[in-house]
C-alpha atoms as a PDB file:
ATOM      1  CA  MET A   1      19.682  56.170 115.864  1.00  0.00           C
ATOM      2  CA  ASP A   2      20.485  58.873 113.366  1.00  0.00           C
ATOM      3  CA  ARG A   3      18.850  62.253 113.935  1.00  0.00           C
ATOM      4  CA  ILE A   4      18.868  65.749 112.504  1.00  0.00           C
ATOM      5  CA  ILE A   5      18.468  68.556 115.022  1.00  0.00           C
ATOM      6  CA  GLY A   6      16.555  71.758 114.277  1.00  0.00           C
ATOM      7  CA  ILE A   7      17.553  74.833 116.259  1.00  0.00           C
ATOM      8  CA  ASP A   8      15.683  78.107 116.743  1.00  0.00           C
ATOM      9  CA  TYR A   9      18.408  80.013 118.570  1.00  0.00           C
ATOM     10  CA  GLY A  10      17.587  82.932 120.814  1.00  0.00           C
ATOM     11  CA  ARG A  11      19.651  85.075 123.141  1.00  0.00           C
ATOM     12  CA  ARG A  12      17.853  83.684 126.234  1.00  0.00           C
ATOM     13  CA  ARG A  13      16.077  80.529 125.073  1.00  0.00           C
ATOM     14  CA  THR A  14      16.532  78.096 122.236  1.00  0.00           C
ATOM     15  CA  GLY A  15      13.907  75.840 120.738  1.00  0.00           C
ATOM     16  CA  LEU A  16      14.974  72.395 119.584  1.00  0.00           C
ATOM     17  CA  ALA A  17      13.375  69.879 117.264  1.00  0.00           C
ATOM     18  CA  VAL A  18      14.465  66.447 116.117  1.00  0.00           C
ATOM     19  CA  SER A  19      13.864  64.349 113.035  1.00  0.00           C
ATOM     20  CA  ASP A  20      12.588  60.817 113.113  1.00  0.00           C
ATOM     21  CA  PRO A  21      15.278  58.205 112.292  1.00  0.00           C
ATOM     22  CA  LEU A  22      14.245  58.179 108.609  1.00  0.00           C
ATOM     23  CA  GLY A  23      14.547  61.968 108.295  1.00  0.00           C
ATOM     24  CA  ILE A  24      10.933  62.474 107.224  1.00  0.00           C
ATOM     25  CA  PHE A  25       9.219  64.207 110.152  1.00  0.00           C
ATOM     26  CA  ALA A  26      10.291  66.922 112.570  1.00  0.00           C
ATOM     27  CA  THR A  27       9.064  66.869 116.150  1.00  0.00           C
ATOM     28  CA  ALA A  28       9.393  69.609 118.750  1.00  0.00           C
ATOM     29  CA  LEU A  29      11.936  68.400 121.300  1.00  0.00           C
ATOM     30  CA  ASP A  30      12.633  70.944 124.028  1.00  0.00           C
ATOM     31  CA  THR A  31      13.340  74.548 124.934  1.00  0.00           C
ATOM     32  CA  ILE A  32      16.691  75.131 126.610  1.00  0.00           C
ATOM     33  CA  ASP A  33      18.381  78.074 128.300  1.00  0.00           C
ATOM     34  CA  SER A  34      20.776  79.204 125.568  1.00  0.00           C
ATOM     35  CA  THR A  35      23.742  79.258 127.935  1.00  0.00           C
ATOM     36  CA  LYS A  36      23.262  75.505 128.494  1.00  0.00           C
ATOM     37  CA  LEU A  37      22.604  74.580 124.873  1.00  0.00           C
ATOM     38  CA  ILE A  38      25.990  73.118 123.895  1.00  0.00           C
ATOM     39  CA  ASP A  39      26.043  70.909 127.008  1.00  0.00           C
ATOM     40  CA  TYR A  40      22.494  69.746 126.263  1.00  0.00           C
ATOM     41  CA  LEU A  41      23.456  68.833 122.695  1.00  0.00           C
ATOM     42  CA  LYS A  42      26.571  66.974 123.867  1.00  0.00           C
ATOM     43  CA  ASN A  43      24.452  64.930 126.282  1.00  0.00           C
ATOM     44  CA  TYR A  44      21.888  64.262 123.569  1.00  0.00           C
ATOM     45  CA  ALA A  45      24.653  63.072 121.242  1.00  0.00           C
ATOM     46  CA  ILE A  46      25.589  60.373 123.765  1.00  0.00           C
ATOM     47  CA  SER A  47      22.365  58.468 123.063  1.00  0.00           C
ATOM     48  CA  GLU A  48      21.569  59.593 119.501  1.00  0.00           C
ATOM     49  CA  ARG A  49      23.869  60.131 116.526  1.00  0.00           C
ATOM     50  CA  ILE A  50      23.445  63.667 115.201  1.00  0.00           C
ATOM     51  CA  LEU A  51      23.837  63.712 111.422  1.00  0.00           C
ATOM     52  CA  ARG A  52      23.296  67.445 110.936  1.00  0.00           C
ATOM     53  CA  PHE A  53      22.197  70.642 112.618  1.00  0.00           C
ATOM     54  CA  VAL A  54      19.641  72.834 110.880  1.00  0.00           C
ATOM     55  CA  VAL A  55      19.802  76.312 112.389  1.00  0.00           C
ATOM     56  CA  GLY A  56      17.265  79.045 111.815  1.00  0.00           C
ATOM     57  CA  TYR A  57      19.032  82.109 110.466  1.00  0.00           C
ATOM     58  CA  PRO A  58      17.412  85.488 111.114  1.00  0.00           C
ATOM     59  CA  VAL A  59      16.733  87.301 107.854  1.00  0.00           C
ATOM     60  CA  ASN A  60      14.905  90.568 107.215  1.00  0.00           C
ATOM     61  CA  MET A  61      12.135  90.856 104.658  1.00  0.00           C
ATOM     62  CA  ASP A  62      14.629  92.231 102.121  1.00  0.00           C
ATOM     63  CA  GLY A  63      16.671  89.018 102.431  1.00  0.00           C
ATOM     64  CA  LYS A  64      19.505  90.612 104.394  1.00  0.00           C
ATOM     65  CA  PRO A  65      20.554  89.224 107.798  1.00  0.00           C
ATOM     66  CA  SER A  66      18.784  90.820 110.774  1.00  0.00           C
ATOM     67  CA  GLU A  67      20.226  92.251 113.997  1.00  0.00           C
ATOM     68  CA  ALA A  68      19.893  88.880 115.728  1.00  0.00           C
ATOM     69  CA  ARG A  69      22.384  87.486 113.216  1.00  0.00           C
ATOM     70  CA  ALA A  70      25.329  88.425 115.457  1.00  0.00           C
ATOM     71  CA  ASP A  71      23.983  86.231 118.280  1.00  0.00           C
ATOM     72  CA  VAL A  72      23.398  83.312 115.921  1.00  0.00           C
ATOM     73  CA  ASP A  73      26.856  83.735 114.390  1.00  0.00           C
ATOM     74  CA  LEU A  74      28.463  83.476 117.856  1.00  0.00           C
ATOM     75  CA  PHE A  75      26.418  80.362 118.565  1.00  0.00           C
ATOM     76  CA  LEU A  76      27.450  78.844 115.219  1.00  0.00           C
ATOM     77  CA  LYS A  77      31.126  79.263 116.166  1.00  0.00           C
ATOM     78  CA  SER A  78      30.502  77.464 119.485  1.00  0.00           C
ATOM     79  CA  LEU A  79      28.559  74.730 117.719  1.00  0.00           C
ATOM     80  CA  ALA A  80      31.359  74.201 115.166  1.00  0.00           C
ATOM     81  CA  LYS A  81      33.908  73.975 117.961  1.00  0.00           C
ATOM     82  CA  ALA A  82      31.837  71.459 119.950  1.00  0.00           C
ATOM     83  CA  PHE A  83      30.802  69.380 116.905  1.00  0.00           C
ATOM     84  CA  PRO A  84      33.521  69.882 114.286  1.00  0.00           C
ATOM     85  CA  GLU A  85      32.493  66.861 112.182  1.00  0.00           C
ATOM     86  CA  THR A  86      28.746  67.602 112.104  1.00  0.00           C
ATOM     87  CA  PRO A  87      27.489  69.672 109.161  1.00  0.00           C
ATOM     88  CA  VAL A  88      25.317  72.728 109.756  1.00  0.00           C
ATOM     89  CA  THR A  89      22.658  74.018 107.397  1.00  0.00           C
ATOM     90  CA  LEU A  90      21.225  77.513 107.791  1.00  0.00           C
ATOM     91  CA  GLU A  91      17.504  77.959 107.148  1.00  0.00           C
ATOM     92  CA  ASP A  92      15.555  81.165 106.679  1.00  0.00           C
ATOM     93  CA  GLU A  93      13.517  81.563 109.855  1.00  0.00           C
ATOM     94  CA  ARG A  94      11.175  84.315 108.664  1.00  0.00           C
ATOM     95  CA  PHE A  95       7.592  83.788 109.792  1.00  0.00           C
ATOM     96  CA  THR A  96       8.354  80.707 111.886  1.00  0.00           C
ATOM     97  CA  SER A  97       6.992  82.319 115.073  1.00  0.00           C
ATOM     98  CA  VAL A  98       3.827  83.373 113.255  1.00  0.00           C
ATOM     99  CA  LEU A  99       3.418  79.880 111.839  1.00  0.00           C
ATOM    100  CA  ALA A 100       4.088  78.358 115.280  1.00  0.00           C
ATOM    101  CA  HIS A 101       1.262  80.448 116.755  1.00  0.00           C
ATOM    102  CA  ARG A 102      -1.023  79.297 113.950  1.00  0.00           C
ATOM    103  CA  VAL A 103      -0.119  75.653 114.660  1.00  0.00           C
ATOM    104  CA  MET A 104      -0.945  76.146 118.337  1.00  0.00           C
ATOM    105  CA  ILE A 105      -4.303  77.780 117.517  1.00  0.00           C
ATOM    106  CA  ASP A 106      -5.182  75.120 114.954  1.00  0.00           C
ATOM    107  CA  GLY A 107      -4.168  72.446 117.462  1.00  0.00           C
ATOM    108  CA  GLY A 108      -6.666  73.796 119.979  1.00  0.00           C
ATOM    109  CA  MET A 109      -4.197  75.258 122.451  1.00  0.00           C
ATOM    110  CA  LYS A 110      -5.794  77.680 124.892  1.00  0.00           C
ATOM    111  CA  ALA A 111      -4.726  81.338 124.812  1.00  0.00           C
ATOM    112  CA  SER A 112      -3.083  81.003 128.232  1.00  0.00           C
ATOM    113  CA  GLN A 113      -0.963  78.095 126.957  1.00  0.00           C
ATOM    114  CA  ARG A 114       0.028  80.011 123.802  1.00  0.00           C
ATOM    115  CA  LYS A 115       1.597  82.726 125.966  1.00  0.00           C
ATOM    116  CA  ASP A 116       4.302  80.259 126.976  1.00  0.00           C
ATOM    117  CA  LYS A 117       7.139  81.372 124.714  1.00  0.00           C
ATOM    118  CA  SER A 118       9.021  78.113 125.185  1.00  0.00           C
ATOM    119  CA  SER A 119       6.263  76.344 123.227  1.00  0.00           C
ATOM    120  CA  VAL A 120       6.630  78.844 120.383  1.00  0.00           C
ATOM    121  CA  ASP A 121      10.404  78.308 120.319  1.00  0.00           C
ATOM    122  CA  LYS A 122      10.322  74.524 120.022  1.00  0.00           C
ATOM    123  CA  ILE A 123       7.475  74.566 117.485  1.00  0.00           C
ATOM    124  CA  SER A 124       9.441  77.153 115.471  1.00  0.00           C
ATOM    125  CA  ALA A 125      12.435  74.797 115.563  1.00  0.00           C
ATOM    126  CA  ALA A 126      10.209  72.011 114.236  1.00  0.00           C
ATOM    127  CA  ILE A 127       9.003  74.270 111.396  1.00  0.00           C
ATOM    128  CA  ILE A 128      12.601  75.162 110.513  1.00  0.00           C
ATOM    129  CA  LEU A 129      13.638  71.516 110.533  1.00  0.00           C
ATOM    130  CA  GLN A 130      10.595  70.313 108.585  1.00  0.00           C
ATOM    131  CA  GLY A 131      11.350  72.838 105.833  1.00  0.00           C
ATOM    132  CA  TYR A 132      14.819  71.386 105.495  1.00  0.00           C
ATOM    133  CA  LEU A 133      13.556  67.784 105.559  1.00  0.00           C
ATOM    134  CA  ASP A 134      10.952  68.506 102.885  1.00  0.00           C
ATOM    135  CA  ARG A 135      13.544  69.983 100.539  1.00  0.00           C
ATOM    136  CA  SER A 136      16.173  67.327 101.175  1.00  0.00           C
ATOM    137  CA  ALA A 137      13.625  64.606 100.375  1.00  0.00           C
ATOM    138  CA  GLY A 138      12.867  66.248  97.048  1.00  0.00           C
ATOM    139  CA  GLY A 139       9.503  67.444  98.302  1.00  0.00           C
ATOM    140  CA  SER A 140       8.584  71.093  98.217  1.00  0.00           C
ATOM    141  CA  ALA A 141      10.729  73.800  96.707  1.00  0.00           C
ATOM    142  CA  GLY A 142      11.358  75.195 100.175  1.00  0.00           C
ATOM    143  CA  PHE A 143       9.914  77.891 102.354  1.00  0.00           C
ATOM    144  CA  ASP A 144       8.387  80.699 100.344  1.00  0.00           C
ATOM    145  CA  PRO A 145       7.668  83.725 102.581  1.00  0.00           C
ATOM    146  CA  SER A 146       5.233  85.091 100.012  1.00  0.00           C
ATOM    147  CA  ALA A 147       3.065  82.022 100.611  1.00  0.00           C
ATOM    148  CA  VAL A 148       2.239  83.194 104.146  1.00  0.00           C
ATOM    149  CA  PRO A 149      -1.296  84.579 104.128  1.00  0.00           C
ATOM    150  CA  GLU A 150      -1.607  88.274 104.873  1.00  0.00           C
ATOM    151  CA  SER A 151      -3.818  87.362 107.840  1.00  0.00           C
ATOM    152  CA  LEU A 152      -0.808  85.716 109.522  1.00  0.00           C
ATOM    153  CA  SER A 153       1.610  88.564 108.931  1.00  0.00           C
ATOM    154  CA  ARG A 154       2.462  90.719 111.919  1.00  0.00           C
ATOM    155  CA  ASN A 155       2.873  93.639 109.543  1.00  0.00           C
ATOM    156  CA  LYS A 156      -0.660  93.503 108.186  1.00  0.00           C
ATOM    157  CA  THR A 157      -2.590  96.736 108.065  1.00  0.00           C
ATOM    158  CA  ARG A 158      -5.992  96.749 109.655  1.00  0.00           C
ATOM    159  CA  ARG A 159      -8.864  98.153 107.686  1.00  0.00           C
ATOM    160  CA  LYS A 160     -11.027 100.718 109.321  1.00  0.00           C
ATOM    161  CA  LYS A 161     -14.689  99.821 109.463  1.00  0.00           C
END
């Protein structure tokens, strides 16, 4: 079946998500050691046809690429070499980790379970992919970082009581 893969690339670990065959919903798939990622994707492509990769691209608050960009750029070159016919879309990944934590809290995950960073990575990949799917279906206008409540921002200032 046809799938779109969402990728939240990290130097050590990478979160993966996958679309349903109709390209409507994103589901967290797995967290992989980044050194084994290309092999994992090749094996996945044996059983499922990958239509597109949607890769989270690290961007600072001012819209400029962040330091992690160099790692993602190297990965993108490897991905293009391994899958030359498969298109890649870059998605702004700002706030995806914060949103992933919120999803885990809202889903009733215990604090001890939320410390597992592999869960955050694959949920972040699902958030990245769902943003793409929503826009490509003519749904929302895309991810708007200003829509993230101040209470979810890591940079919030705490008021003194």
